[in-house]
Amino acid sequence: MNTTFQLDFPSTLLVRFAFFLTRTRARAKAGRIQHLEDISYRLLVKAMTLPADATAHAFRPLLELASAVPPVEWGFLANEESGGRKVLVDNTYLKVVLIRWAPGEACARHFHPNGGGMFTVLEGAIREDRFLNASVPLPYETRVHGAGAMSYIDDTLGAHIVSNTAEHAAVTLHAYLKYRV
């Protein structure tokens, strides 16, 4: 049986109500402050529940939340005692690292096997050079990632070097899947 019914409310009233709900939800979402501890916990739960063939791409929605984390949460990285790094999670499933990159600082060329790794830039800008393997001297791709940008890498994409070529410090949040088959 095919039935239709008429709405008692004019469509403009429904449109206004939908707008109200959308606006209220957007304000509530914007007003929510994210914290690194909360994001790390969510990343851990996600890593523990992913199928064996998943990659760190699954972390994208959670790493997007990190853009709302206030800079006061990574201010301690400027202390010499921290060395510019803080491991937030490191277990069988996942490693999450917060890194402050001083101007001119770079890591060595390295790989991310199996499930790969993903990072987001919280502050400043980071340069990423990608290489086919450990012996090719020139990168096949160079990108500069600004605040809010994300990048994924695993062995199928080669190795990479991450560096800060800017005049100001940069901060990144990295999440790596571990021990994938």
N, C-alpha and C. Protein backbone atom coordinates (compact mmCIF):
# COMPACT_ATOMS: atom_id res chain seq x y z
N MET A 1 0.84 -1.17 0.00
CA MET A 1 0.00 0.00 0.00
C MET A 1 0.89 1.24 0.00
N ASN A 2 0.60 2.13 -0.88
CA ASN A 2 1.35 3.36 -1.02
C ASN A 2 0.52 4.51 -0.45
N THR A 3 1.04 5.11 0.61
CA THR A 3 0.29 6.22 1.20
C THR A 3 1.16 7.45 1.27
N THR A 4 0.56 8.57 1.15
CA THR A 4 1.25 9.83 1.34
C THR A 4 0.48 10.63 2.37
N PHE A 5 1.17 11.56 2.97
CA PHE A 5 0.49 12.39 3.95
C PHE A 5 0.98 13.82 3.81
N GLN A 6 0.16 14.71 4.18
CA GLN A 6 0.47 16.13 4.12
C GLN A 6 1.01 16.57 5.48
N LEU A 7 2.03 17.40 5.44
CA LEU A 7 2.53 17.98 6.67
C LEU A 7 1.63 19.13 7.08
N ASP A 8 1.37 19.22 8.35
CA ASP A 8 0.54 20.30 8.86
C ASP A 8 1.28 21.63 8.93
N PHE A 9 2.63 21.55 8.96
CA PHE A 9 3.43 22.76 9.10
C PHE A 9 3.85 23.26 7.72
N PRO A 10 3.88 24.54 7.55
CA PRO A 10 4.42 25.08 6.29
C PRO A 10 5.90 24.71 6.18
N SER A 11 6.37 24.52 4.96
CA SER A 11 7.76 24.08 4.75
C SER A 11 8.76 25.10 5.30
N THR A 12 8.42 26.38 5.28
CA THR A 12 9.36 27.38 5.80
C THR A 12 9.60 27.19 7.29
N LEU A 13 8.58 26.76 8.01
CA LEU A 13 8.74 26.51 9.43
C LEU A 13 9.71 25.34 9.65
N LEU A 14 9.59 24.30 8.84
CA LEU A 14 10.50 23.16 8.95
C LEU A 14 11.93 23.56 8.60
N VAL A 15 12.08 24.39 7.60
CA VAL A 15 13.40 24.86 7.21
C VAL A 15 14.03 25.66 8.34
N ARG A 16 13.24 26.53 8.97
CA ARG A 16 13.75 27.33 10.09
C ARG A 16 14.15 26.44 11.26
N PHE A 17 13.35 25.41 11.53
CA PHE A 17 13.65 24.49 12.63
C PHE A 17 14.94 23.72 12.33
N ALA A 18 15.12 23.26 11.10
CA ALA A 18 16.33 22.54 10.71
C ALA A 18 17.55 23.45 10.85
N PHE A 19 17.41 24.72 10.45
CA PHE A 19 18.49 25.68 10.57
C PHE A 19 18.86 25.87 12.04
N PHE A 20 17.85 25.99 12.90
CA PHE A 20 18.09 26.14 14.33
C PHE A 20 18.87 24.95 14.89
N LEU A 21 18.45 23.73 14.53
CA LEU A 21 19.15 22.54 15.01
C LEU A 21 20.59 22.50 14.51
N THR A 22 20.80 22.81 13.25
CA THR A 22 22.14 22.80 12.67
C THR A 22 23.02 23.83 13.34
N ARG A 23 22.51 25.01 13.54
CA ARG A 23 23.28 26.08 14.17
C ARG A 23 23.62 25.73 15.62
N THR A 24 22.67 25.17 16.34
CA THR A 24 22.90 24.78 17.73
C THR A 24 23.98 23.72 17.80
N ARG A 25 23.91 22.74 16.90
CA ARG A 25 24.91 21.67 16.88
C ARG A 25 26.29 22.23 16.54
N ALA A 26 26.36 23.13 15.58
CA ALA A 26 27.63 23.73 15.19
C ALA A 26 28.24 24.53 16.34
N ARG A 27 27.42 25.28 17.07
CA ARG A 27 27.92 26.05 18.20
C ARG A 27 28.43 25.12 19.30
N ALA A 28 27.70 24.05 19.56
CA ALA A 28 28.12 23.10 20.59
C ALA A 28 29.43 22.44 20.19
N LYS A 29 29.56 22.10 18.91
CA LYS A 29 30.77 21.46 18.43
C LYS A 29 31.95 22.42 18.50
N ALA A 30 31.74 23.67 18.10
CA ALA A 30 32.81 24.67 18.11
C ALA A 30 33.23 25.01 19.54
N GLY A 31 32.32 24.95 20.48
CA GLY A 31 32.61 25.30 21.85
C GLY A 31 33.33 24.21 22.62
N ARG A 32 33.37 23.01 22.06
CA ARG A 32 34.02 21.89 22.72
C ARG A 32 35.53 22.02 22.60
N ILE A 33 36.23 21.95 23.70
CA ILE A 33 37.69 22.01 23.67
C ILE A 33 38.22 20.59 23.70
N GLN A 34 39.06 20.29 22.74
CA GLN A 34 39.69 18.98 22.68
C GLN A 34 40.98 19.00 23.49
N HIS A 35 41.34 17.87 24.04
CA HIS A 35 42.56 17.75 24.82
C HIS A 35 43.37 16.58 24.26
N LEU A 36 44.68 16.69 24.34
CA LEU A 36 45.55 15.65 23.81
C LEU A 36 45.30 14.31 24.49
N GLU A 37 45.02 14.33 25.76
CA GLU A 37 44.75 13.10 26.50
C GLU A 37 43.51 12.40 25.95
N ASP A 38 42.47 13.15 25.68
CA ASP A 38 41.24 12.60 25.14
C ASP A 38 41.47 12.04 23.73
N ILE A 39 42.18 12.78 22.91
CA ILE A 39 42.45 12.32 21.54
C ILE A 39 43.32 11.07 21.57
N SER A 40 44.31 11.03 22.44
CA SER A 40 45.17 9.85 22.56
C SER A 40 44.37 8.63 22.97
N TYR A 41 43.46 8.80 23.91
CA TYR A 41 42.61 7.69 24.34
C TYR A 41 41.74 7.19 23.18
N ARG A 42 41.15 8.11 22.44
CA ARG A 42 40.31 7.73 21.31
C ARG A 42 41.13 7.02 20.22
N LEU A 43 42.35 7.49 20.00
CA LEU A 43 43.23 6.82 19.04
C LEU A 43 43.55 5.40 19.50
N LEU A 44 43.78 5.22 20.78
CA LEU A 44 44.06 3.89 21.32
C LEU A 44 42.88 2.95 21.12
N VAL A 45 41.69 3.41 21.46
CA VAL A 45 40.49 2.58 21.27
C VAL A 45 40.32 2.23 19.80
N LYS A 46 40.53 3.20 18.94
CA LYS A 46 40.42 2.96 17.49
C LYS A 46 41.43 1.92 17.04
N ALA A 47 42.69 2.06 17.46
CA ALA A 47 43.75 1.12 17.08
C ALA A 47 43.44 -0.30 17.55
N MET A 48 42.88 -0.41 18.74
CA MET A 48 42.58 -1.73 19.30
C MET A 48 41.41 -2.42 18.60
N THR A 49 40.58 -1.64 17.96
CA THR A 49 39.37 -2.21 17.35
C THR A 49 39.43 -2.28 15.83
N LEU A 50 40.53 -1.85 15.24
CA LEU A 50 40.66 -1.89 13.78
C LEU A 50 40.89 -3.31 13.29
N PRO A 51 40.42 -3.62 12.09
CA PRO A 51 40.74 -4.93 11.51
C PRO A 51 42.24 -5.02 11.21
N ALA A 52 42.76 -6.23 11.05
CA ALA A 52 44.19 -6.45 10.87
C ALA A 52 44.74 -5.78 9.62
N ASP A 53 43.94 -5.59 8.60
CA ASP A 53 44.44 -4.99 7.36
C ASP A 53 44.25 -3.47 7.30
N ALA A 54 43.84 -2.86 8.38
CA ALA A 54 43.62 -1.41 8.41
C ALA A 54 44.95 -0.65 8.41
N THR A 55 44.87 0.61 8.05
CA THR A 55 46.06 1.47 8.08
C THR A 55 45.78 2.68 8.97
N ALA A 56 46.80 3.47 9.17
CA ALA A 56 46.68 4.67 9.99
C ALA A 56 45.76 5.72 9.35
N HIS A 57 45.34 5.50 8.10
CA HIS A 57 44.34 6.41 7.50
C HIS A 57 43.09 6.48 8.37
N ALA A 58 42.81 5.42 9.10
CA ALA A 58 41.63 5.37 9.96
C ALA A 58 41.69 6.42 11.07
N PHE A 59 42.86 6.97 11.33
CA PHE A 59 43.02 7.96 12.39
C PHE A 59 42.66 9.38 11.96
N ARG A 60 42.43 9.59 10.67
CA ARG A 60 42.19 10.94 10.14
C ARG A 60 41.13 11.71 10.94
N PRO A 61 39.93 11.17 11.16
CA PRO A 61 38.91 11.95 11.88
C PRO A 61 39.35 12.34 13.29
N LEU A 62 40.09 11.47 13.95
CA LEU A 62 40.54 11.79 15.30
C LEU A 62 41.67 12.81 15.29
N LEU A 63 42.55 12.72 14.31
CA LEU A 63 43.62 13.71 14.21
C LEU A 63 43.08 15.08 13.82
N GLU A 64 41.97 15.11 13.10
CA GLU A 64 41.33 16.39 12.78
C GLU A 64 40.89 17.12 14.05
N LEU A 65 40.51 16.36 15.06
CA LEU A 65 40.11 16.96 16.34
C LEU A 65 41.27 17.72 17.00
N ALA A 66 42.49 17.29 16.69
CA ALA A 66 43.66 17.91 17.33
C ALA A 66 43.81 19.38 16.98
N SER A 67 43.23 19.81 15.87
CA SER A 67 43.35 21.23 15.51
C SER A 67 42.64 22.13 16.53
N ALA A 68 41.76 21.56 17.34
CA ALA A 68 41.05 22.33 18.36
C ALA A 68 41.77 22.32 19.71
N VAL A 69 42.89 21.61 19.79
CA VAL A 69 43.63 21.55 21.05
C VAL A 69 44.34 22.89 21.26
N PRO A 70 44.17 23.51 22.42
CA PRO A 70 44.83 24.80 22.66
C PRO A 70 46.34 24.65 22.79
N PRO A 71 47.10 25.61 22.27
CA PRO A 71 48.57 25.55 22.31
C PRO A 71 49.16 25.40 23.72
N VAL A 72 48.43 25.78 24.73
CA VAL A 72 48.94 25.65 26.10
C VAL A 72 49.24 24.17 26.42
N GLU A 73 48.59 23.23 25.73
CA GLU A 73 48.80 21.81 26.01
C GLU A 73 50.12 21.29 25.48
N TRP A 74 50.76 21.99 24.57
CA TRP A 74 52.07 21.54 24.10
C TRP A 74 53.17 22.55 24.42
N GLY A 75 52.86 23.56 25.20
CA GLY A 75 53.85 24.56 25.57
C GLY A 75 55.04 23.98 26.31
N PHE A 76 54.84 22.92 27.07
CA PHE A 76 55.93 22.30 27.82
C PHE A 76 57.03 21.74 26.91
N LEU A 77 56.72 21.52 25.64
CA LEU A 77 57.71 20.97 24.72
C LEU A 77 58.88 21.92 24.47
N ALA A 78 58.67 23.20 24.75
CA ALA A 78 59.74 24.19 24.56
C ALA A 78 60.83 24.06 25.62
N ASN A 79 60.53 23.38 26.72
CA ASN A 79 61.53 23.17 27.78
C ASN A 79 62.62 22.25 27.27
N GLU A 80 63.85 22.53 27.66
CA GLU A 80 64.96 21.67 27.24
C GLU A 80 64.82 20.27 27.82
N GLU A 81 64.19 20.13 28.97
CA GLU A 81 64.05 18.83 29.61
C GLU A 81 63.21 17.87 28.78
N SER A 82 62.25 18.39 28.03
CA SER A 82 61.38 17.52 27.24
C SER A 82 62.07 17.00 25.99
N GLY A 83 63.11 17.71 25.55
CA GLY A 83 63.77 17.32 24.31
C GLY A 83 62.91 17.57 23.09
N GLY A 84 61.81 18.29 23.29
CA GLY A 84 60.92 18.59 22.17
C GLY A 84 60.00 17.44 21.78
N ARG A 85 59.98 16.38 22.57
CA ARG A 85 59.14 15.22 22.26
C ARG A 85 58.41 14.72 23.50
N LYS A 86 57.24 14.20 23.27
CA LYS A 86 56.48 13.57 24.35
C LYS A 86 55.73 12.40 23.76
N VAL A 87 56.02 11.20 24.24
CA VAL A 87 55.29 10.01 23.82
C VAL A 87 54.03 9.95 24.66
N LEU A 88 52.87 10.03 24.01
CA LEU A 88 51.59 10.02 24.70
C LEU A 88 51.04 8.62 24.87
N VAL A 89 51.29 7.75 23.89
CA VAL A 89 50.87 6.35 23.94
C VAL A 89 51.95 5.52 23.27
N ASP A 90 52.30 4.40 23.87
CA ASP A 90 53.22 3.45 23.23
C ASP A 90 52.92 2.07 23.79
N ASN A 91 52.20 1.28 23.00
CA ASN A 91 51.86 -0.08 23.41
C ASN A 91 51.86 -0.99 22.20
N THR A 92 51.29 -2.15 22.32
CA THR A 92 51.27 -3.15 21.25
C THR A 92 50.56 -2.67 20.01
N TYR A 93 49.60 -1.80 20.15
CA TYR A 93 48.74 -1.40 19.04
C TYR A 93 49.12 -0.08 18.39
N LEU A 94 49.67 0.82 19.16
CA LEU A 94 49.73 2.21 18.73
C LEU A 94 50.89 2.95 19.39
N LYS A 95 51.41 3.92 18.64
CA LYS A 95 52.34 4.88 19.23
C LYS A 95 51.86 6.26 18.82
N VAL A 96 51.72 7.15 19.80
CA VAL A 96 51.31 8.53 19.56
C VAL A 96 52.40 9.42 20.15
N VAL A 97 52.94 10.31 19.30
CA VAL A 97 54.05 11.17 19.73
C VAL A 97 53.73 12.62 19.37
N LEU A 98 53.97 13.50 20.30
CA LEU A 98 53.85 14.94 20.11
C LEU A 98 55.27 15.47 19.95
N ILE A 99 55.52 16.21 18.86
CA ILE A 99 56.89 16.66 18.58
C ILE A 99 56.92 18.16 18.30
N ARG A 100 57.87 18.84 18.93
CA ARG A 100 58.15 20.25 18.64
C ARG A 100 59.40 20.29 17.79
N TRP A 101 59.30 20.91 16.64
CA TRP A 101 60.40 21.02 15.70
C TRP A 101 60.98 22.43 15.77
N ALA A 102 62.22 22.56 16.23
CA ALA A 102 62.88 23.86 16.24
C ALA A 102 63.20 24.25 14.80
N PRO A 103 63.37 25.53 14.52
CA PRO A 103 63.74 25.93 13.17
C PRO A 103 65.02 25.20 12.72
N GLY A 104 64.97 24.62 11.52
CA GLY A 104 66.11 23.89 10.98
C GLY A 104 66.21 22.44 11.41
N GLU A 105 65.39 22.01 12.34
CA GLU A 105 65.45 20.63 12.83
C GLU A 105 64.85 19.66 11.82
N ALA A 106 65.45 18.48 11.72
CA ALA A 106 64.97 17.44 10.81
C ALA A 106 65.22 16.07 11.42
N CYS A 107 64.43 15.10 11.03
CA CYS A 107 64.67 13.73 11.45
C CYS A 107 65.44 13.00 10.35
N ALA A 108 65.99 11.87 10.66
CA ALA A 108 66.69 11.06 9.66
C ALA A 108 65.66 10.40 8.73
N ARG A 109 66.09 10.02 7.56
CA ARG A 109 65.22 9.31 6.62
C ARG A 109 64.79 8.00 7.28
N HIS A 110 63.50 7.72 7.24
CA HIS A 110 62.99 6.51 7.89
C HIS A 110 61.73 6.01 7.20
N PHE A 111 61.37 4.77 7.52
CA PHE A 111 60.20 4.09 6.96
C PHE A 111 59.13 3.91 8.03
N HIS A 112 57.92 3.61 7.59
CA HIS A 112 56.82 3.27 8.48
C HIS A 112 56.15 2.02 7.93
N PRO A 113 56.56 0.86 8.41
CA PRO A 113 56.03 -0.39 7.85
C PRO A 113 54.60 -0.69 8.25
N ASN A 114 54.06 -1.68 7.58
CA ASN A 114 52.75 -2.26 7.87
C ASN A 114 51.62 -1.24 7.84
N GLY A 115 51.04 -0.91 8.99
CA GLY A 115 49.88 -0.02 9.04
C GLY A 115 50.19 1.43 8.81
N GLY A 116 51.46 1.80 8.79
CA GLY A 116 51.86 3.16 8.48
C GLY A 116 51.67 4.13 9.62
N GLY A 117 51.89 5.38 9.29
CA GLY A 117 51.76 6.45 10.26
C GLY A 117 51.13 7.67 9.62
N MET A 118 50.51 8.46 10.46
CA MET A 118 49.85 9.68 10.00
C MET A 118 50.20 10.78 11.00
N PHE A 119 50.44 11.97 10.47
CA PHE A 119 50.67 13.10 11.37
C PHE A 119 49.86 14.30 10.93
N THR A 120 49.62 15.17 11.91
CA THR A 120 48.95 16.44 11.64
C THR A 120 49.80 17.56 12.22
N VAL A 121 49.78 18.68 11.56
CA VAL A 121 50.53 19.85 12.02
C VAL A 121 49.61 20.68 12.91
N LEU A 122 50.04 20.87 14.15
CA LEU A 122 49.25 21.65 15.10
C LEU A 122 49.62 23.13 15.07
N GLU A 123 50.89 23.40 14.77
CA GLU A 123 51.36 24.78 14.77
C GLU A 123 52.55 24.90 13.82
N GLY A 124 52.62 25.99 13.09
CA GLY A 124 53.74 26.21 12.18
C GLY A 124 53.58 25.46 10.87
N ALA A 125 54.71 25.13 10.26
CA ALA A 125 54.71 24.40 8.98
C ALA A 125 55.86 23.40 8.98
N ILE A 126 55.62 22.27 8.35
CA ILE A 126 56.58 21.18 8.29
C ILE A 126 56.80 20.80 6.83
N ARG A 127 58.04 20.50 6.49
CA ARG A 127 58.36 20.02 5.15
C ARG A 127 58.54 18.51 5.21
N GLU A 128 57.97 17.82 4.23
CA GLU A 128 58.12 16.37 4.14
C GLU A 128 58.69 16.02 2.78
N ASP A 129 59.85 15.36 2.78
CA ASP A 129 60.48 14.86 1.55
C ASP A 129 60.30 13.36 1.52
N ARG A 130 59.78 12.85 0.40
CA ARG A 130 59.56 11.41 0.24
C ARG A 130 60.55 10.83 -0.75
N PHE A 131 61.06 9.65 -0.40
CA PHE A 131 62.08 8.96 -1.20
C PHE A 131 61.60 7.57 -1.56
N LEU A 132 62.02 7.08 -2.74
CA LEU A 132 61.62 5.75 -3.18
C LEU A 132 62.16 4.66 -2.26
N ASN A 133 63.40 4.85 -1.79
CA ASN A 133 64.00 3.87 -0.89
C ASN A 133 65.11 4.54 -0.09
N ALA A 134 65.91 3.73 0.59
CA ALA A 134 66.94 4.29 1.47
C ALA A 134 68.16 4.81 0.72
N SER A 135 68.34 4.40 -0.54
CA SER A 135 69.57 4.79 -1.24
C SER A 135 69.39 5.88 -2.30
N VAL A 136 68.18 6.13 -2.75
CA VAL A 136 67.95 7.18 -3.76
C VAL A 136 68.17 8.54 -3.09
N PRO A 137 69.09 9.36 -3.64
CA PRO A 137 69.44 10.61 -2.95
C PRO A 137 68.40 11.73 -3.05
N LEU A 138 67.65 11.78 -4.14
CA LEU A 138 66.70 12.88 -4.33
C LEU A 138 65.27 12.43 -4.05
N PRO A 139 64.49 13.29 -3.42
CA PRO A 139 63.09 12.92 -3.14
C PRO A 139 62.26 12.89 -4.42
N TYR A 140 61.27 12.02 -4.45
CA TYR A 140 60.33 12.01 -5.57
C TYR A 140 59.19 12.99 -5.33
N GLU A 141 59.06 13.44 -4.09
CA GLU A 141 58.00 14.39 -3.77
C GLU A 141 58.42 15.21 -2.55
N THR A 142 58.12 16.49 -2.59
CA THR A 142 58.35 17.37 -1.45
C THR A 142 57.06 18.15 -1.22
N ARG A 143 56.62 18.16 0.02
CA ARG A 143 55.42 18.91 0.39
C ARG A 143 55.69 19.74 1.63
N VAL A 144 55.02 20.88 1.70
CA VAL A 144 55.05 21.69 2.92
C VAL A 144 53.64 21.64 3.50
N HIS A 145 53.55 21.20 4.74
CA HIS A 145 52.26 21.05 5.41
C HIS A 145 52.12 22.17 6.45
N GLY A 146 51.08 22.98 6.31
CA GLY A 146 50.80 24.04 7.27
C GLY A 146 49.89 23.54 8.37
N ALA A 147 49.57 24.42 9.31
CA ALA A 147 48.71 24.06 10.44
C ALA A 147 47.41 23.46 9.96
N GLY A 148 47.05 22.32 10.54
CA GLY A 148 45.82 21.62 10.18
C GLY A 148 46.00 20.58 9.08
N ALA A 149 47.13 20.61 8.39
CA ALA A 149 47.37 19.63 7.32
C ALA A 149 47.74 18.28 7.90
N MET A 150 47.49 17.23 7.12
CA MET A 150 47.82 15.86 7.54
C MET A 150 48.58 15.15 6.45
N SER A 151 49.34 14.14 6.86
CA SER A 151 50.09 13.33 5.90
C SER A 151 50.13 11.89 6.39
N TYR A 152 50.04 10.97 5.44
CA TYR A 152 50.11 9.53 5.72
C TYR A 152 51.29 8.95 4.96
N ILE A 153 51.98 7.97 5.57
CA ILE A 153 53.05 7.26 4.87
C ILE A 153 53.16 5.85 5.41
N ASP A 154 53.52 4.94 4.50
CA ASP A 154 53.88 3.58 4.87
C ASP A 154 54.93 3.11 3.86
N ASP A 155 55.41 1.87 4.00
CA ASP A 155 56.48 1.38 3.15
C ASP A 155 56.14 1.40 1.66
N THR A 156 54.89 1.25 1.32
CA THR A 156 54.53 1.26 -0.10
C THR A 156 54.76 2.63 -0.74
N LEU A 157 54.82 3.67 0.08
CA LEU A 157 55.06 5.03 -0.40
C LEU A 157 56.53 5.43 -0.28
N GLY A 158 57.34 4.56 0.30
CA GLY A 158 58.77 4.83 0.46
C GLY A 158 59.12 5.34 1.84
N ALA A 159 60.25 6.02 1.91
CA ALA A 159 60.74 6.60 3.16
C ALA A 159 60.49 8.10 3.13
N HIS A 160 60.62 8.73 4.30
CA HIS A 160 60.49 10.19 4.30
C HIS A 160 61.40 10.83 5.33
N ILE A 161 61.60 12.12 5.12
CA ILE A 161 62.30 12.98 6.08
C ILE A 161 61.34 14.12 6.39
N VAL A 162 61.15 14.38 7.66
CA VAL A 162 60.31 15.49 8.10
C VAL A 162 61.23 16.55 8.69
N SER A 163 61.01 17.81 8.30
CA SER A 163 61.88 18.87 8.78
C SER A 163 61.12 20.18 8.93
N ASN A 164 61.70 21.09 9.69
CA ASN A 164 61.14 22.42 9.85
C ASN A 164 62.09 23.39 9.16
N THR A 165 61.69 23.87 8.00
CA THR A 165 62.53 24.82 7.26
C THR A 165 62.12 26.27 7.52
N ALA A 166 61.13 26.46 8.38
CA ALA A 166 60.64 27.81 8.69
C ALA A 166 61.50 28.47 9.77
N GLU A 167 61.23 29.73 10.02
CA GLU A 167 61.97 30.49 11.03
C GLU A 167 61.38 30.34 12.42
N HIS A 168 60.22 29.72 12.53
CA HIS A 168 59.56 29.55 13.82
C HIS A 168 59.37 28.07 14.11
N ALA A 169 59.21 27.73 15.37
CA ALA A 169 59.00 26.35 15.76
C ALA A 169 57.68 25.83 15.20
N ALA A 170 57.61 24.52 15.03
CA ALA A 170 56.39 23.85 14.58
C ALA A 170 56.10 22.71 15.54
N VAL A 171 54.83 22.32 15.62
CA VAL A 171 54.42 21.21 16.49
C VAL A 171 53.57 20.26 15.68
N THR A 172 53.87 18.95 15.80
CA THR A 172 53.11 17.93 15.08
C THR A 172 52.67 16.84 16.04
N LEU A 173 51.58 16.18 15.69
CA LEU A 173 51.07 15.03 16.43
C LEU A 173 51.08 13.84 15.49
N HIS A 174 51.79 12.76 15.88
CA HIS A 174 51.98 11.58 15.04
C HIS A 174 51.27 10.39 15.66
N ALA A 175 50.64 9.57 14.82
CA ALA A 175 49.99 8.33 15.28
C ALA A 175 50.41 7.21 14.34
N TYR A 176 51.00 6.16 14.91
CA TYR A 176 51.51 5.03 14.13
C TYR A 176 50.82 3.73 14.58
N LEU A 177 50.32 2.98 13.62
CA LEU A 177 49.81 1.65 13.92
C LEU A 177 51.02 0.73 14.09
N LYS A 178 50.97 -0.16 15.05
CA LYS A 178 52.11 -1.04 15.31
C LYS A 178 51.72 -2.50 15.13
N TYR A 179 52.71 -3.28 14.75
CA TYR A 179 52.61 -4.74 14.68
C TYR A 179 51.44 -5.23 13.84
N ARG A 180 51.30 -4.66 12.67
CA ARG A 180 50.25 -5.10 11.74
C ARG A 180 50.80 -6.22 10.87
N VAL A 181 49.95 -7.08 10.40
CA VAL A 181 50.37 -8.18 9.53
C VAL A 181 50.30 -7.82 8.08
